[in-house]
Structures are given as C-alpha cells and as structure tokens.
Amino acid sequence: EKHCYDIPICWSLRSIFDALDGLDQVDQKLTDLVNDTKNLDRLMPQMLTTFPPMIESMESMRTMILSMHSTMAGFYDQMNEMSDNATAMGKAFDAAKNDDSFYLPPEVFKNKDFQRAMKSFLSPDGHAARFIILHRGDPQSAEGIASINAIRTAAEEALKGTPLEDAKIYLAGTASVFYDISDGAKWDLLIAGISSLCLIFIIMLILTRSFIAAAVIVGTVALSLGASFGLSVLLWQHILSIDLHYMVLAMSVIVLLAVGSDYNLLLVSRFKEEI
C-alpha cells in the first residue's frame, strides 16, 4: 500500500515485518560467521605448521641484520679514518698556502724505500731539495742553453706566495754549465776587446804622437774585426746554414787582435821612419 505510512495499523505491521526482516539478515550473518569460524578452525592447524619455519626465517634475518650491522660498523670506522685523512690533508694545504703543491700522508715518510730515495733529493738537515729536469732536445744546443733562464724564472714564480719565497735557486747540469761558459765568454770577449783596443790606442798614440792617427788605426782594427765577423756569419750561417759556435767570436778577437796589432805596429813604425 503506497499510503501505508498514513494508516497506523498498516504502519505498525510493516514495522514488525521490517524488524523480522532485520532478524533474518542477522541470522544470515551469524550463519556466515559460523561458517567462517569453521573454516578458520580448519585452517589454524595449517597456520600453526608454518609458524616454526617463519620463526627460523626471522631468527636468520636477525642474525643477518646483526652481521650487517657489524660490517657497516667497520665501514663507518673506515669512513671516519678517511675523513680524518681528508681533514689532515686540508690542514696541510692550508699550512702550505700553495694550491699547486701536492699532499703526502705522514705514513709515506715511514716507508724505507721512500726514505732511501729521499736521501738523493733532500739534504740531511732538510734545508735543500734537488729537482731533476729533463730537456726535450740537446741540452748543449742553443735552445737548451736558452731554456736556463726560463727554468729559473718558472722556479721563482712557483715559489712566490709560499714559505719558500726567499729560497735560493741553483741550476746544474750540461745546459747550465754551457750557459755559464757562454755567458762568461761574452764577458771575456767584451773585456778582451775593449782592453785590447784601449791598449792598441795607447801604443799607437805613443808611437805616432797624434790622437787622430791613433784613432784611425784603432778604427781600422775595429772595422777589420766587424768585417771578419760579418763575413763569417754570412758565409757559414746564411749561405752554408752552419751555426757558428759561441767560442768562435772570442777566439777570433784574440787571433785578429794579436796578429793585426803586430802588423799595425810594423806599419806605423815604417811610416814613422819614412816621415
């Protein structure tokens, strides 16, 4: 009846029937619960049989976790030691005040092989160090000799801004020795040439008693030296493509002045006798 809600008796009966329907649903749910309980009672023995293996697996997992913890603890100790080394390295770099240097841990200096090699490169008092520099070409060549100044400049620039800025730098070896010989030959040539020309000028001045005549004679000597040097460079270096040794110039000055002075003296003496 669609108007049952408006009829009291109909509404009362319908409420009773609805309550009975609810009881039927509760009964059905209880029946399902009983069936589930029976199934659970049947499954419980099977579940109990799985508990011992599960307990063993959990114990094995616990043992594995403890082993992993002990392993990771050792790894953490190594990480802490590495961190300490990195800290020591940073302090060493800060103390050195030079970003272009390298770090050696303290353990290296305790190595016997390193100590034996260190004797060849460090003085016993630790105030001198030796560096080995290898040339790409011939150290006796002009390029090898010219590289000495570049090496010294590079060493001085590398020491700037460091505690070794005031250190003294010495170079040795084939290129350095030939550089010193070449540099000494230049000064010897300059001193020998100037002193020889001055001595010749004084002798000519005494013999001729004329400043102009003595100057002309010295000028001819200097002109002969320049002409001989120019012709030698033109012939050997530009025509024959053979570089002249740096000692050729010094020896030429000695020979030309020694021979030329004698002939100049003889020539001037002869002129004086005729005049």
C-alpha atoms as a PDB file:
ATOM      1  CA  GLU A   1       0.000   0.000   0.000  1.00  0.00           C
ATOM      2  CA  LYS A   2       1.526   3.298  -1.018  1.00  0.00           C
ATOM      3  CA  HIS A   3      -0.369   5.120   1.704  1.00  0.00           C
ATOM      4  CA  CYS A   4       0.670   2.663   4.409  1.00  0.00           C
ATOM      5  CA  TYR A   5       2.560   5.384   6.234  1.00  0.00           C
ATOM      6  CA  ASP A   6      -0.712   7.237   6.747  1.00  0.00           C
ATOM      7  CA  ILE A   7      -2.591   4.175   8.206  1.00  0.00           C
ATOM      8  CA  PRO A   8      -1.487   3.416  11.795  1.00  0.00           C
ATOM      9  CA  ILE A   9      -2.281  -0.304  11.702  1.00  0.00           C
ATOM     10  CA  CYS A  10      -0.541  -0.733   8.365  1.00  0.00           C
ATOM     11  CA  TRP A  11       2.496   1.188   9.559  1.00  0.00           C
ATOM     12  CA  SER A  12       2.684  -0.887  12.770  1.00  0.00           C
ATOM     13  CA  LEU A  13       2.501  -4.180  10.912  1.00  0.00           C
ATOM     14  CA  ARG A  14       5.026  -3.005   8.385  1.00  0.00           C
ATOM     15  CA  SER A  15       7.402  -2.028  11.179  1.00  0.00           C
ATOM     16  CA  ILE A  16       7.031  -5.529  12.666  1.00  0.00           C
ATOM     17  CA  PHE A  17       7.743  -7.120   9.296  1.00  0.00           C
ATOM     18  CA  ASP A  18      10.774  -4.863   8.816  1.00  0.00           C
ATOM     19  CA  ALA A  19      12.095  -5.918  12.228  1.00  0.00           C
ATOM     20  CA  LEU A  20      11.605  -9.565  11.297  1.00  0.00           C
ATOM     21  CA  ASP A  21      13.477  -8.942   8.050  1.00  0.00           C
ATOM     22  CA  GLY A  22      16.346  -7.427  10.103  1.00  0.00           C
ATOM     23  CA  LEU A  23      16.373 -10.549  12.304  1.00  0.00           C
ATOM     24  CA  ASP A  24      16.543 -12.714   9.212  1.00  0.00           C
ATOM     25  CA  GLN A  25      19.561 -10.707   7.997  1.00  0.00           C
ATOM     26  CA  VAL A  26      21.250 -11.029  11.409  1.00  0.00           C
ATOM     27  CA  ASP A  27      20.605 -14.769  11.347  1.00  0.00           C
ATOM     28  CA  GLN A  28      22.121 -14.972   7.874  1.00  0.00           C
ATOM     29  CA  LYS A  29      25.190 -13.017   9.006  1.00  0.00           C
ATOM     30  CA  LEU A  30      25.593 -15.258  12.062  1.00  0.00           C
ATOM     31  CA  THR A  31      25.353 -18.305   9.821  1.00  0.00           C
ATOM     32  CA  ASP A  32      28.103 -16.873   7.614  1.00  0.00           C
ATOM     33  CA  LEU A  33      30.193 -16.086  10.703  1.00  0.00           C
ATOM     34  CA  VAL A  34      29.801 -19.668  11.953  1.00  0.00           C
ATOM     35  CA  ASN A  35      30.937 -20.948   8.562  1.00  0.00           C
ATOM     36  CA  ASP A  36      33.939 -18.611   8.612  1.00  0.00           C
ATOM     37  CA  THR A  37      34.781 -19.768  12.132  1.00  0.00           C
ATOM     38  CA  LYS A  38      34.652 -23.384  10.985  1.00  0.00           C
ATOM     39  CA  ASN A  39      36.966 -22.545   8.104  1.00  0.00           C
ATOM     40  CA  LEU A  40      39.320 -20.734  10.491  1.00  0.00           C
ATOM     41  CA  ASP A  41      39.279 -23.734  12.837  1.00  0.00           C
ATOM     42  CA  ARG A  42      40.211 -25.927   9.897  1.00  0.00           C
ATOM     43  CA  LEU A  43      42.999 -23.555   8.777  1.00  0.00           C
ATOM     44  CA  MET A  44      44.543 -22.930  12.204  1.00  0.00           C
ATOM     45  CA  PRO A  45      46.457 -26.245  12.302  1.00  0.00           C
ATOM     46  CA  GLN A  46      47.917 -25.433   8.897  1.00  0.00           C
ATOM     47  CA  MET A  47      48.875 -21.962  10.088  1.00  0.00           C
ATOM     48  CA  LEU A  48      50.492 -23.442  13.191  1.00  0.00           C
ATOM     49  CA  THR A  49      52.683 -25.643  10.992  1.00  0.00           C
ATOM     50  CA  THR A  50      54.002 -22.521   9.165  1.00  0.00           C
ATOM     51  CA  PHE A  51      54.992 -20.698  12.356  1.00  0.00           C
ATOM     52  CA  PRO A  52      58.213 -22.696  13.117  1.00  0.00           C
ATOM     53  CA  PRO A  53      59.746 -22.058   9.646  1.00  0.00           C
ATOM     54  CA  MET A  54      58.684 -18.437   9.920  1.00  0.00           C
ATOM     55  CA  ILE A  55      60.350 -18.203  13.326  1.00  0.00           C
ATOM     56  CA  GLU A  56      63.529 -19.742  11.877  1.00  0.00           C
ATOM     57  CA  SER A  57      63.440 -17.247   8.994  1.00  0.00           C
ATOM     58  CA  MET A  58      63.031 -14.372  11.422  1.00  0.00           C
ATOM     59  CA  GLU A  59      65.962 -15.662  13.509  1.00  0.00           C
ATOM     60  CA  SER A  60      68.101 -15.963  10.354  1.00  0.00           C
ATOM     61  CA  MET A  61      67.094 -12.433   9.360  1.00  0.00           C
ATOM     62  CA  ARG A  62      68.007 -11.216  12.830  1.00  0.00           C
ATOM     63  CA  THR A  63      71.434 -12.890  12.553  1.00  0.00           C
ATOM     64  CA  MET A  64      71.921 -11.355   9.095  1.00  0.00           C
ATOM     65  CA  ILE A  65      70.977  -7.905  10.363  1.00  0.00           C
ATOM     66  CA  LEU A  66      73.455  -8.248  13.240  1.00  0.00           C
ATOM     67  CA  SER A  67      76.210  -9.311  10.807  1.00  0.00           C
ATOM     68  CA  MET A  68      75.367  -6.421   8.513  1.00  0.00           C
ATOM     69  CA  HIS A  69      75.471  -4.067  11.470  1.00  0.00           C
ATOM     70  CA  SER A  70      78.943  -5.282  12.461  1.00  0.00           C
ATOM     71  CA  THR A  71      80.121  -4.955   8.836  1.00  0.00           C
ATOM     72  CA  MET A  72      78.692  -1.474   8.493  1.00  0.00           C
ATOM     73  CA  ALA A  73      80.260  -0.518  11.825  1.00  0.00           C
ATOM     74  CA  GLY A  74      83.706  -1.377  10.397  1.00  0.00           C
ATOM     75  CA  PHE A  75      82.863   0.529   7.231  1.00  0.00           C
ATOM     76  CA  TYR A  76      81.853   3.529   9.312  1.00  0.00           C
ATOM     77  CA  ASP A  77      85.210   3.335  11.114  1.00  0.00           C
ATOM     78  CA  GLN A  78      86.993   3.382   7.749  1.00  0.00           C
ATOM     79  CA  MET A  79      84.900   6.346   6.665  1.00  0.00           C
ATOM     80  CA  ASN A  80      85.867   8.162   9.844  1.00  0.00           C
ATOM     81  CA  GLU A  81      89.562   7.427   9.178  1.00  0.00           C
ATOM     82  CA  MET A  82      89.198   8.681   5.607  1.00  0.00           C
ATOM     83  CA  SER A  83      87.531  11.788   6.937  1.00  0.00           C
ATOM     84  CA  ASP A  84      90.431  12.282   9.341  1.00  0.00           C
ATOM     85  CA  ASN A  85      92.907  11.936   6.436  1.00  0.00           C
ATOM     86  CA  ALA A  86      90.923  14.445   4.396  1.00  0.00           C
ATOM     87  CA  THR A  87      90.942  16.820   7.360  1.00  0.00           C
ATOM     88  CA  ALA A  88      94.704  16.392   7.767  1.00  0.00           C
ATOM     89  CA  MET A  89      95.154  16.962   4.025  1.00  0.00           C
ATOM     90  CA  GLY A  90      93.136  20.167   4.202  1.00  0.00           C
ATOM     91  CA  LYS A  91      95.188  21.405   7.148  1.00  0.00           C
ATOM     92  CA  ALA A  92      98.414  20.588   5.281  1.00  0.00           C
ATOM     93  CA  PHE A  93      97.250  22.521   2.214  1.00  0.00           C
ATOM     94  CA  ASP A  94      96.224  25.464   4.378  1.00  0.00           C
ATOM     95  CA  ALA A  95      99.596  25.434   6.106  1.00  0.00           C
ATOM     96  CA  ALA A  96     101.443  25.242   2.770  1.00  0.00           C
ATOM     97  CA  LYS A  97      99.484  28.227   1.368  1.00  0.00           C
ATOM     98  CA  ASN A  98     100.040  26.934  -2.149  1.00  0.00           C
ATOM     99  CA  ASP A  99      97.347  25.372  -4.335  1.00  0.00           C
ATOM    100  CA  ASP A 100      99.917  23.988  -6.795  1.00  0.00           C
ATOM    101  CA  SER A 101     101.557  21.613  -4.306  1.00  0.00           C
ATOM    102  CA  PHE A 102     100.670  18.002  -3.556  1.00  0.00           C
ATOM    103  CA  TYR A 103      99.999  16.136  -0.315  1.00  0.00           C
ATOM    104  CA  LEU A 104     101.939  13.205   1.115  1.00  0.00           C
ATOM    105  CA  PRO A 105     100.452  11.495   4.176  1.00  0.00           C
ATOM    106  CA  PRO A 106     102.732  11.035   7.209  1.00  0.00           C
ATOM    107  CA  GLU A 107     102.806   7.250   6.635  1.00  0.00           C
ATOM    108  CA  VAL A 108     104.787   7.723   3.402  1.00  0.00           C
ATOM    109  CA  PHE A 109     107.776   9.178   5.253  1.00  0.00           C
ATOM    110  CA  LYS A 110     107.992   5.979   7.335  1.00  0.00           C
ATOM    111  CA  ASN A 111     108.469   3.834   4.225  1.00  0.00           C
ATOM    112  CA  LYS A 112     112.060   2.552   3.922  1.00  0.00           C
ATOM    113  CA  ASP A 113     112.137   2.774   0.117  1.00  0.00           C
ATOM    114  CA  PHE A 114     110.884   6.346   0.255  1.00  0.00           C
ATOM    115  CA  GLN A 115     113.464   7.238   2.904  1.00  0.00           C
ATOM    116  CA  ARG A 116     116.254   5.752   0.763  1.00  0.00           C
ATOM    117  CA  ALA A 117     115.113   7.716  -2.301  1.00  0.00           C
ATOM    118  CA  MET A 118     114.603  10.856  -0.241  1.00  0.00           C
ATOM    119  CA  LYS A 119     118.327  10.949   0.583  1.00  0.00           C
ATOM    120  CA  SER A 120     119.040  11.620  -3.103  1.00  0.00           C
ATOM    121  CA  PHE A 121     116.697  14.604  -3.246  1.00  0.00           C
ATOM    122  CA  LEU A 122     116.795  16.182   0.233  1.00  0.00           C
ATOM    123  CA  SER A 123     119.742  17.299   2.320  1.00  0.00           C
ATOM    124  CA  PRO A 124     120.176  15.699   5.777  1.00  0.00           C
ATOM    125  CA  ASP A 125     119.087  18.916   7.507  1.00  0.00           C
ATOM    126  CA  GLY A 126     116.050  19.260   5.224  1.00  0.00           C
ATOM    127  CA  HIS A 127     117.020  22.774   4.066  1.00  0.00           C
ATOM    128  CA  ALA A 128     117.862  21.876   0.446  1.00  0.00           C
ATOM    129  CA  ALA A 129     115.938  19.960  -2.212  1.00  0.00           C
ATOM    130  CA  ARG A 130     117.019  18.619  -5.598  1.00  0.00           C
ATOM    131  CA  PHE A 131     114.803  18.581  -8.694  1.00  0.00           C
ATOM    132  CA  ILE A 132     115.641  16.671 -11.887  1.00  0.00           C
ATOM    133  CA  ILE A 133     114.685  18.481 -15.110  1.00  0.00           C
ATOM    134  CA  LEU A 134     114.893  16.673 -18.456  1.00  0.00           C
ATOM    135  CA  HIS A 135     115.314  18.539 -21.738  1.00  0.00           C
ATOM    136  CA  ARG A 136     113.326  17.501 -24.780  1.00  0.00           C
ATOM    137  CA  GLY A 137     116.251  18.298 -27.074  1.00  0.00           C
ATOM    138  CA  ASP A 138     120.019  18.533 -26.853  1.00  0.00           C
ATOM    139  CA  PRO A 139     120.991  20.470 -23.695  1.00  0.00           C
ATOM    140  CA  GLN A 140     124.183  21.672 -25.431  1.00  0.00           C
ATOM    141  CA  SER A 141     122.235  23.297 -28.261  1.00  0.00           C
ATOM    142  CA  ALA A 142     121.274  26.966 -28.378  1.00  0.00           C
ATOM    143  CA  GLU A 143     117.690  26.082 -27.427  1.00  0.00           C
ATOM    144  CA  GLY A 144     118.858  24.040 -24.439  1.00  0.00           C
ATOM    145  CA  ILE A 145     121.152  26.830 -23.231  1.00  0.00           C
ATOM    146  CA  ALA A 146     118.409  29.445 -23.723  1.00  0.00           C
ATOM    147  CA  SER A 147     115.986  27.405 -21.579  1.00  0.00           C
ATOM    148  CA  ILE A 148     118.063  28.002 -18.432  1.00  0.00           C
ATOM    149  CA  ASN A 149     116.602  31.461 -17.841  1.00  0.00           C
ATOM    150  CA  ALA A 150     113.070  30.145 -18.466  1.00  0.00           C
ATOM    151  CA  ILE A 151     113.594  27.344 -15.938  1.00  0.00           C
ATOM    152  CA  ARG A 152     114.916  29.757 -13.324  1.00  0.00           C
ATOM    153  CA  THR A 153     112.003  32.151 -13.915  1.00  0.00           C
ATOM    154  CA  ALA A 154     109.467  29.312 -13.632  1.00  0.00           C
ATOM    155  CA  ALA A 155     111.016  28.157 -10.348  1.00  0.00           C
ATOM    156  CA  GLU A 156     110.980  31.678  -8.916  1.00  0.00           C
ATOM    157  CA  GLU A 157     107.346  32.192  -9.954  1.00  0.00           C
ATOM    158  CA  ALA A 158     106.353  28.863  -8.381  1.00  0.00           C
ATOM    159  CA  LEU A 159     107.864  29.889  -5.032  1.00  0.00           C
ATOM    160  CA  LYS A 160     106.097  33.240  -4.856  1.00  0.00           C
ATOM    161  CA  GLY A 161     103.488  33.422  -2.117  1.00  0.00           C
ATOM    162  CA  THR A 162     104.889  30.369  -0.306  1.00  0.00           C
ATOM    163  CA  PRO A 163     107.095  29.990   2.781  1.00  0.00           C
ATOM    164  CA  LEU A 164     109.983  29.204   0.361  1.00  0.00           C
ATOM    165  CA  GLU A 165     109.720  32.535  -1.447  1.00  0.00           C
ATOM    166  CA  ASP A 166     113.156  33.652  -0.187  1.00  0.00           C
ATOM    167  CA  ALA A 167     114.848  30.346  -1.052  1.00  0.00           C
ATOM    168  CA  LYS A 168     117.920  30.375  -3.295  1.00  0.00           C
ATOM    169  CA  ILE A 169     117.804  28.542  -6.632  1.00  0.00           C
ATOM    170  CA  TYR A 170     120.865  26.919  -8.210  1.00  0.00           C
ATOM    171  CA  LEU A 171     120.964  25.169 -11.591  1.00  0.00           C
ATOM    172  CA  ALA A 172     123.459  22.478 -12.600  1.00  0.00           C
ATOM    173  CA  GLY A 173     123.887  20.084 -15.471  1.00  0.00           C
ATOM    174  CA  THR A 174     125.050  20.187 -19.073  1.00  0.00           C
ATOM    175  CA  ALA A 175     122.846  23.078 -20.205  1.00  0.00           C
ATOM    176  CA  SER A 176     123.661  25.119 -17.109  1.00  0.00           C
ATOM    177  CA  VAL A 177     127.413  24.548 -17.491  1.00  0.00           C
ATOM    178  CA  PHE A 178     127.365  25.553 -21.150  1.00  0.00           C
ATOM    179  CA  TYR A 179     125.192  28.558 -20.260  1.00  0.00           C
ATOM    180  CA  ASP A 180     127.812  29.693 -17.740  1.00  0.00           C
ATOM    181  CA  ILE A 181     130.586  29.131 -20.293  1.00  0.00           C
ATOM    182  CA  SER A 182     128.660  31.074 -22.940  1.00  0.00           C
ATOM    183  CA  ASP A 183     127.863  33.894 -20.537  1.00  0.00           C
ATOM    184  CA  GLY A 184     131.466  34.000 -19.359  1.00  0.00           C
ATOM    185  CA  ALA A 185     132.697  34.009 -22.959  1.00  0.00           C
ATOM    186  CA  LYS A 186     130.554  37.072 -23.699  1.00  0.00           C
ATOM    187  CA  TRP A 187     132.032  38.987 -20.780  1.00  0.00           C
ATOM    188  CA  ASP A 188     135.536  37.768 -21.612  1.00  0.00           C
ATOM    189  CA  LEU A 189     135.039  38.901 -25.206  1.00  0.00           C
ATOM    190  CA  LEU A 190     133.795  42.305 -24.095  1.00  0.00           C
ATOM    191  CA  ILE A 191     136.648  42.805 -21.636  1.00  0.00           C
ATOM    192  CA  ALA A 192     139.301  41.498 -24.042  1.00  0.00           C
ATOM    193  CA  GLY A 193     138.025  43.587 -26.941  1.00  0.00           C
ATOM    194  CA  ILE A 194     137.755  46.857 -25.008  1.00  0.00           C
ATOM    195  CA  SER A 195     141.067  46.409 -23.172  1.00  0.00           C
ATOM    196  CA  SER A 196     142.871  45.398 -26.389  1.00  0.00           C
ATOM    197  CA  LEU A 197     141.524  48.366 -28.329  1.00  0.00           C
ATOM    198  CA  CYS A 198     142.436  50.704 -25.480  1.00  0.00           C
ATOM    199  CA  LEU A 199     145.941  49.227 -25.262  1.00  0.00           C
ATOM    200  CA  ILE A 200     146.416  49.484 -29.026  1.00  0.00           C
ATOM    201  CA  PHE A 201     145.181  53.068 -28.946  1.00  0.00           C
ATOM    202  CA  ILE A 202     147.669  53.958 -26.184  1.00  0.00           C
ATOM    203  CA  ILE A 203     150.573  52.305 -28.025  1.00  0.00           C
ATOM    204  CA  MET A 204     149.640  53.984 -31.311  1.00  0.00           C
ATOM    205  CA  LEU A 205     149.277  57.288 -29.509  1.00  0.00           C
ATOM    206  CA  ILE A 206     152.795  56.924 -28.065  1.00  0.00           C
ATOM    207  CA  LEU A 207     154.307  55.946 -31.396  1.00  0.00           C
ATOM    208  CA  THR A 208     152.515  58.452 -33.608  1.00  0.00           C
ATOM    209  CA  ARG A 209     152.113  61.213 -31.027  1.00  0.00           C
ATOM    210  CA  SER A 210     148.896  62.016 -32.848  1.00  0.00           C
ATOM    211  CA  PHE A 211     145.410  61.441 -31.458  1.00  0.00           C
ATOM    212  CA  ILE A 212     143.797  61.351 -34.896  1.00  0.00           C
ATOM    213  CA  ALA A 213     146.319  58.891 -36.312  1.00  0.00           C
ATOM    214  CA  ALA A 214     145.951  56.599 -33.306  1.00  0.00           C
ATOM    215  CA  ALA A 215     142.136  56.785 -33.554  1.00  0.00           C
ATOM    216  CA  VAL A 216     142.272  55.989 -37.285  1.00  0.00           C
ATOM    217  CA  ILE A 217     144.461  52.947 -36.646  1.00  0.00           C
ATOM    218  CA  VAL A 218     142.178  51.693 -33.858  1.00  0.00           C
ATOM    219  CA  GLY A 219     139.194  52.339 -36.116  1.00  0.00           C
ATOM    220  CA  THR A 220     140.725  50.203 -38.858  1.00  0.00           C
ATOM    221  CA  VAL A 221     141.289  47.418 -36.323  1.00  0.00           C
ATOM    222  CA  ALA A 222     137.672  47.597 -35.145  1.00  0.00           C
ATOM    223  CA  LEU A 223     136.488  47.752 -38.757  1.00  0.00           C
ATOM    224  CA  SER A 224     138.516  44.658 -39.642  1.00  0.00           C
ATOM    225  CA  LEU A 225     137.012  42.813 -36.667  1.00  0.00           C
ATOM    226  CA  GLY A 226     133.483  43.757 -37.679  1.00  0.00           C
ATOM    227  CA  ALA A 227     134.096  42.839 -41.314  1.00  0.00           C
ATOM    228  CA  SER A 228     135.529  39.442 -40.391  1.00  0.00           C
ATOM    229  CA  PHE A 229     132.597  38.686 -38.072  1.00  0.00           C
ATOM    230  CA  GLY A 230     130.060  39.783 -40.669  1.00  0.00           C
ATOM    231  CA  LEU A 231     131.637  37.726 -43.446  1.00  0.00           C
ATOM    232  CA  SER A 232     131.862  34.688 -41.179  1.00  0.00           C
ATOM    233  CA  VAL A 233     128.171  34.884 -40.242  1.00  0.00           C
ATOM    234  CA  LEU A 234     127.178  35.490 -43.866  1.00  0.00           C
ATOM    235  CA  LEU A 235     129.212  32.561 -45.165  1.00  0.00           C
ATOM    236  CA  TRP A 236     128.611  29.917 -42.520  1.00  0.00           C
ATOM    237  CA  GLN A 237     125.156  30.681 -41.139  1.00  0.00           C
ATOM    238  CA  HIS A 238     123.302  32.247 -44.087  1.00  0.00           C
ATOM    239  CA  ILE A 239     124.961  30.531 -47.067  1.00  0.00           C
ATOM    240  CA  LEU A 240     126.106  27.181 -45.670  1.00  0.00           C
ATOM    241  CA  SER A 241     123.450  27.042 -42.876  1.00  0.00           C
ATOM    242  CA  ILE A 242     126.004  26.027 -40.255  1.00  0.00           C
ATOM    243  CA  ASP A 243     125.673  27.752 -36.888  1.00  0.00           C
ATOM    244  CA  LEU A 244     128.833  29.281 -35.503  1.00  0.00           C
ATOM    245  CA  HIS A 245     129.971  28.165 -32.087  1.00  0.00           C
ATOM    246  CA  TYR A 246     129.810  30.864 -29.439  1.00  0.00           C
ATOM    247  CA  MET A 247     133.559  30.477 -28.805  1.00  0.00           C
ATOM    248  CA  VAL A 248     134.389  31.415 -32.414  1.00  0.00           C
ATOM    249  CA  LEU A 249     133.812  35.105 -31.726  1.00  0.00           C
ATOM    250  CA  ALA A 250     136.073  35.196 -28.675  1.00  0.00           C
ATOM    251  CA  MET A 251     138.859  33.244 -30.347  1.00  0.00           C
ATOM    252  CA  SER A 252     138.587  35.391 -33.474  1.00  0.00           C
ATOM    253  CA  VAL A 253     139.029  38.565 -31.443  1.00  0.00           C
ATOM    254  CA  ILE A 254     142.120  37.131 -29.763  1.00  0.00           C
ATOM    255  CA  VAL A 255     143.695  35.950 -33.026  1.00  0.00           C
ATOM    256  CA  LEU A 256     142.818  39.035 -35.085  1.00  0.00           C
ATOM    257  CA  LEU A 257     143.988  41.461 -32.427  1.00  0.00           C
ATOM    258  CA  ALA A 258     147.192  39.502 -31.801  1.00  0.00           C
ATOM    259  CA  VAL A 259     148.112  39.292 -35.495  1.00  0.00           C
ATOM    260  CA  GLY A 260     146.679  42.649 -36.516  1.00  0.00           C
ATOM    261  CA  SER A 261     148.410  44.547 -33.717  1.00  0.00           C
ATOM    262  CA  ASP A 262     151.829  43.312 -34.793  1.00  0.00           C
ATOM    263  CA  TYR A 263     151.257  44.337 -38.383  1.00  0.00           C
ATOM    264  CA  ASN A 264     149.845  47.700 -37.292  1.00  0.00           C
ATOM    265  CA  LEU A 265     152.912  48.343 -35.162  1.00  0.00           C
ATOM    266  CA  LEU A 266     155.247  47.369 -38.012  1.00  0.00           C
ATOM    267  CA  LEU A 267     153.298  49.509 -40.485  1.00  0.00           C
ATOM    268  CA  VAL A 268     153.248  52.545 -38.190  1.00  0.00           C
ATOM    269  CA  SER A 269     156.956  52.138 -37.407  1.00  0.00           C
ATOM    270  CA  ARG A 270     157.721  52.038 -41.134  1.00  0.00           C
ATOM    271  CA  PHE A 271     155.606  55.145 -41.735  1.00  0.00           C
ATOM    272  CA  LYS A 272     157.464  56.908 -38.943  1.00  0.00           C
ATOM    273  CA  GLU A 273     160.846  56.033 -40.457  1.00  0.00           C
ATOM    274  CA  GLU A 274     159.798  57.303 -43.875  1.00  0.00           C
ATOM    275  CA  ILE A 275     158.318  60.500 -42.480  1.00  0.00           C
END
